Amino acid sequence: MHRYCLALDLKDDETAISEYKRYHKKIWPEIRESLFASGIIDMEIYLLGRRLFMIMEVSDTFSFAVKAAADSASPKVQEWETLMERFQQPLPESRPGQKWVLMERIFSL
């Protein structure tokens, strides 16, 4: 099992932040299924101000590239991603078109 941590910002809009939180209280069943199907075992998202922090626990077979390809082929995942983009703002470190940015682990106890 592997753990990945990623970051992303939300737009500086309290209404948008509230909506984003509301959507994540009960994600769509198709989104949940796509996460499990890709090898994601557990996922948590934390919020501080506008900064989102995601922790993903994944199987040994998980691949970001395979997940991205499956997401691209799923109309429901694309609908969810388009909806979420209304609330999200890329980090300054993001590449063009990139949303969630993989964080570097610098310490482990």
C-alpha atoms as a PDB file:
ATOM      1  CA  MET A   1       0.000   0.000   0.000  1.00  0.00           C
ATOM      2  CA  HIS A   2       1.186   3.531  -0.779  1.00  0.00           C
ATOM      3  CA  ARG A   3       0.157   6.969   0.459  1.00  0.00           C
ATOM      4  CA  TYR A   4       0.067  10.103  -1.664  1.00  0.00           C
ATOM      5  CA  CYS A   5      -0.618  13.640  -0.489  1.00  0.00           C
ATOM      6  CA  LEU A   6      -1.820  16.323  -2.853  1.00  0.00           C
ATOM      7  CA  ALA A   7      -2.807  19.983  -2.589  1.00  0.00           C
ATOM      8  CA  LEU A   8      -5.144  22.338  -4.423  1.00  0.00           C
ATOM      9  CA  ASP A   9      -6.738  25.705  -3.669  1.00  0.00           C
ATOM     10  CA  LEU A  10     -10.363  26.737  -3.787  1.00  0.00           C
ATOM     11  CA  LYS A  11     -11.446  30.094  -5.143  1.00  0.00           C
ATOM     12  CA  ASP A  12     -11.576  32.897  -2.603  1.00  0.00           C
ATOM     13  CA  ASP A  13     -15.360  32.803  -2.311  1.00  0.00           C
ATOM     14  CA  GLU A  14     -17.128  31.653   0.864  1.00  0.00           C
ATOM     15  CA  THR A  15     -20.213  30.557  -1.071  1.00  0.00           C
ATOM     16  CA  ALA A  16     -18.118  28.446  -3.436  1.00  0.00           C
ATOM     17  CA  ILE A  17     -16.218  26.907  -0.525  1.00  0.00           C
ATOM     18  CA  SER A  18     -19.500  26.019   1.198  1.00  0.00           C
ATOM     19  CA  GLU A  19     -20.824  24.451  -2.010  1.00  0.00           C
ATOM     20  CA  TYR A  20     -17.627  22.440  -2.488  1.00  0.00           C
ATOM     21  CA  LYS A  21     -17.906  21.117   1.065  1.00  0.00           C
ATOM     22  CA  ARG A  22     -21.591  20.282   0.516  1.00  0.00           C
ATOM     23  CA  TYR A  23     -20.826  18.240  -2.607  1.00  0.00           C
ATOM     24  CA  HIS A  24     -18.196  16.275  -0.702  1.00  0.00           C
ATOM     25  CA  LYS A  25     -20.513  15.340   2.172  1.00  0.00           C
ATOM     26  CA  LYS A  26     -22.022  12.777  -0.183  1.00  0.00           C
ATOM     27  CA  ILE A  27     -20.143  12.273  -3.424  1.00  0.00           C
ATOM     28  CA  TRP A  28     -21.931  10.758  -6.384  1.00  0.00           C
ATOM     29  CA  PRO A  29     -21.999   6.940  -6.330  1.00  0.00           C
ATOM     30  CA  GLU A  30     -20.268   6.786  -9.737  1.00  0.00           C
ATOM     31  CA  ILE A  31     -17.387   8.869  -8.382  1.00  0.00           C
ATOM     32  CA  ARG A  32     -17.031   6.629  -5.353  1.00  0.00           C
ATOM     33  CA  GLU A  33     -17.037   3.560  -7.599  1.00  0.00           C
ATOM     34  CA  SER A  34     -14.401   5.052  -9.918  1.00  0.00           C
ATOM     35  CA  LEU A  35     -12.107   5.783  -6.967  1.00  0.00           C
ATOM     36  CA  PHE A  36     -12.299   2.218  -5.662  1.00  0.00           C
ATOM     37  CA  ALA A  37     -11.989   0.746  -9.171  1.00  0.00           C
ATOM     38  CA  SER A  38      -8.740   2.657  -9.714  1.00  0.00           C
ATOM     39  CA  GLY A  39      -7.132   1.146  -6.634  1.00  0.00           C
ATOM     40  CA  ILE A  40      -7.772   3.952  -4.165  1.00  0.00           C
ATOM     41  CA  ILE A  41      -8.425   2.267  -0.826  1.00  0.00           C
ATOM     42  CA  ASP A  42      -9.045   5.373   1.256  1.00  0.00           C
ATOM     43  CA  MET A  43      -9.124   9.107   0.607  1.00  0.00           C
ATOM     44  CA  GLU A  44      -9.480  12.094   2.904  1.00  0.00           C
ATOM     45  CA  ILE A  45      -9.608  15.795   2.021  1.00  0.00           C
ATOM     46  CA  TYR A  46      -8.829  18.498   4.594  1.00  0.00           C
ATOM     47  CA  LEU A  47      -9.424  22.230   4.271  1.00  0.00           C
ATOM     48  CA  LEU A  48      -7.526  25.162   5.783  1.00  0.00           C
ATOM     49  CA  GLY A  49      -8.795  28.511   4.567  1.00  0.00           C
ATOM     50  CA  ARG A  50      -8.825  27.919   0.801  1.00  0.00           C
ATOM     51  CA  ARG A  51      -6.119  25.218   0.729  1.00  0.00           C
ATOM     52  CA  LEU A  52      -7.230  21.630   0.205  1.00  0.00           C
ATOM     53  CA  PHE A  53      -5.014  18.746   1.321  1.00  0.00           C
ATOM     54  CA  MET A  54      -5.791  15.237   0.067  1.00  0.00           C
ATOM     55  CA  ILE A  55      -4.429  12.006   1.503  1.00  0.00           C
ATOM     56  CA  MET A  56      -4.828   8.914  -0.671  1.00  0.00           C
ATOM     57  CA  GLU A  57      -4.097   5.367   0.437  1.00  0.00           C
ATOM     58  CA  VAL A  58      -3.752   3.237  -2.685  1.00  0.00           C
ATOM     59  CA  SER A  59      -3.092  -0.369  -3.650  1.00  0.00           C
ATOM     60  CA  ASP A  60       0.284  -1.475  -4.960  1.00  0.00           C
ATOM     61  CA  THR A  61      -1.195  -1.597  -8.467  1.00  0.00           C
ATOM     62  CA  PHE A  62      -2.498   2.007  -8.437  1.00  0.00           C
ATOM     63  CA  SER A  63      -1.315   4.250 -11.277  1.00  0.00           C
ATOM     64  CA  PHE A  64      -2.051   7.950 -11.757  1.00  0.00           C
ATOM     65  CA  ALA A  65      -1.853   7.444 -15.544  1.00  0.00           C
ATOM     66  CA  VAL A  66      -4.342   4.547 -15.532  1.00  0.00           C
ATOM     67  CA  LYS A  67      -6.682   6.538 -13.259  1.00  0.00           C
ATOM     68  CA  ALA A  68      -6.477   9.570 -15.576  1.00  0.00           C
ATOM     69  CA  ALA A  69      -7.288   7.425 -18.621  1.00  0.00           C
ATOM     70  CA  ALA A  70     -10.277   5.819 -16.887  1.00  0.00           C
ATOM     71  CA  ASP A  71     -11.504   9.231 -15.740  1.00  0.00           C
ATOM     72  CA  SER A  72     -11.246  10.602 -19.292  1.00  0.00           C
ATOM     73  CA  ALA A  73     -13.354   7.701 -20.560  1.00  0.00           C
ATOM     74  CA  SER A  74     -16.103   8.186 -17.956  1.00  0.00           C
ATOM     75  CA  PRO A  75     -18.781  10.770 -18.796  1.00  0.00           C
ATOM     76  CA  LYS A  76     -19.939  10.876 -15.144  1.00  0.00           C
ATOM     77  CA  VAL A  77     -16.403  11.508 -13.837  1.00  0.00           C
ATOM     78  CA  GLN A  78     -15.971  14.226 -16.473  1.00  0.00           C
ATOM     79  CA  GLU A  79     -19.264  15.796 -15.379  1.00  0.00           C
ATOM     80  CA  TRP A  80     -18.058  15.766 -11.728  1.00  0.00           C
ATOM     81  CA  GLU A  81     -14.667  17.222 -12.669  1.00  0.00           C
ATOM     82  CA  THR A  82     -16.286  20.021 -14.688  1.00  0.00           C
ATOM     83  CA  LEU A  83     -18.542  20.819 -11.743  1.00  0.00           C
ATOM     84  CA  MET A  84     -15.639  20.824  -9.254  1.00  0.00           C
ATOM     85  CA  GLU A  85     -13.555  23.098 -11.510  1.00  0.00           C
ATOM     86  CA  ARG A  86     -16.066  25.878 -10.794  1.00  0.00           C
ATOM     87  CA  PHE A  87     -14.780  25.950  -7.210  1.00  0.00           C
ATOM     88  CA  GLN A  88     -11.089  25.150  -7.682  1.00  0.00           C
ATOM     89  CA  GLN A  89      -8.104  27.347  -8.372  1.00  0.00           C
ATOM     90  CA  PRO A  90      -4.725  25.931  -9.433  1.00  0.00           C
ATOM     91  CA  LEU A  91      -1.748  26.366  -7.157  1.00  0.00           C
ATOM     92  CA  PRO A  92       1.077  28.649  -8.340  1.00  0.00           C
ATOM     93  CA  GLU A  93       3.216  25.484  -8.683  1.00  0.00           C
ATOM     94  CA  SER A  94       0.694  23.811 -11.016  1.00  0.00           C
ATOM     95  CA  ARG A  95       1.510  22.956 -14.599  1.00  0.00           C
ATOM     96  CA  PRO A  96      -1.003  24.208 -17.206  1.00  0.00           C
ATOM     97  CA  GLY A  97      -4.198  22.177 -16.867  1.00  0.00           C
ATOM     98  CA  GLN A  98      -3.078  20.544 -13.619  1.00  0.00           C
ATOM     99  CA  LYS A  99      -5.365  20.656 -10.618  1.00  0.00           C
ATOM    100  CA  TRP A 100      -4.197  18.534  -7.693  1.00  0.00           C
ATOM    101  CA  VAL A 101      -0.425  18.788  -7.138  1.00  0.00           C
ATOM    102  CA  LEU A 102       1.506  15.884  -5.645  1.00  0.00           C
ATOM    103  CA  MET A 103       3.328  16.954  -2.501  1.00  0.00           C
ATOM    104  CA  GLU A 104       6.845  15.902  -1.543  1.00  0.00           C
ATOM    105  CA  ARG A 105       7.190  14.058   1.736  1.00  0.00           C
ATOM    106  CA  ILE A 106      10.025  15.655   3.666  1.00  0.00           C
ATOM    107  CA  PHE A 107       9.625  13.890   7.021  1.00  0.00           C
ATOM    108  CA  SER A 108       8.381  10.591   8.359  1.00  0.00           C
ATOM    109  CA  LEU A 109       8.539   9.402  11.985  1.00  0.00           C
END
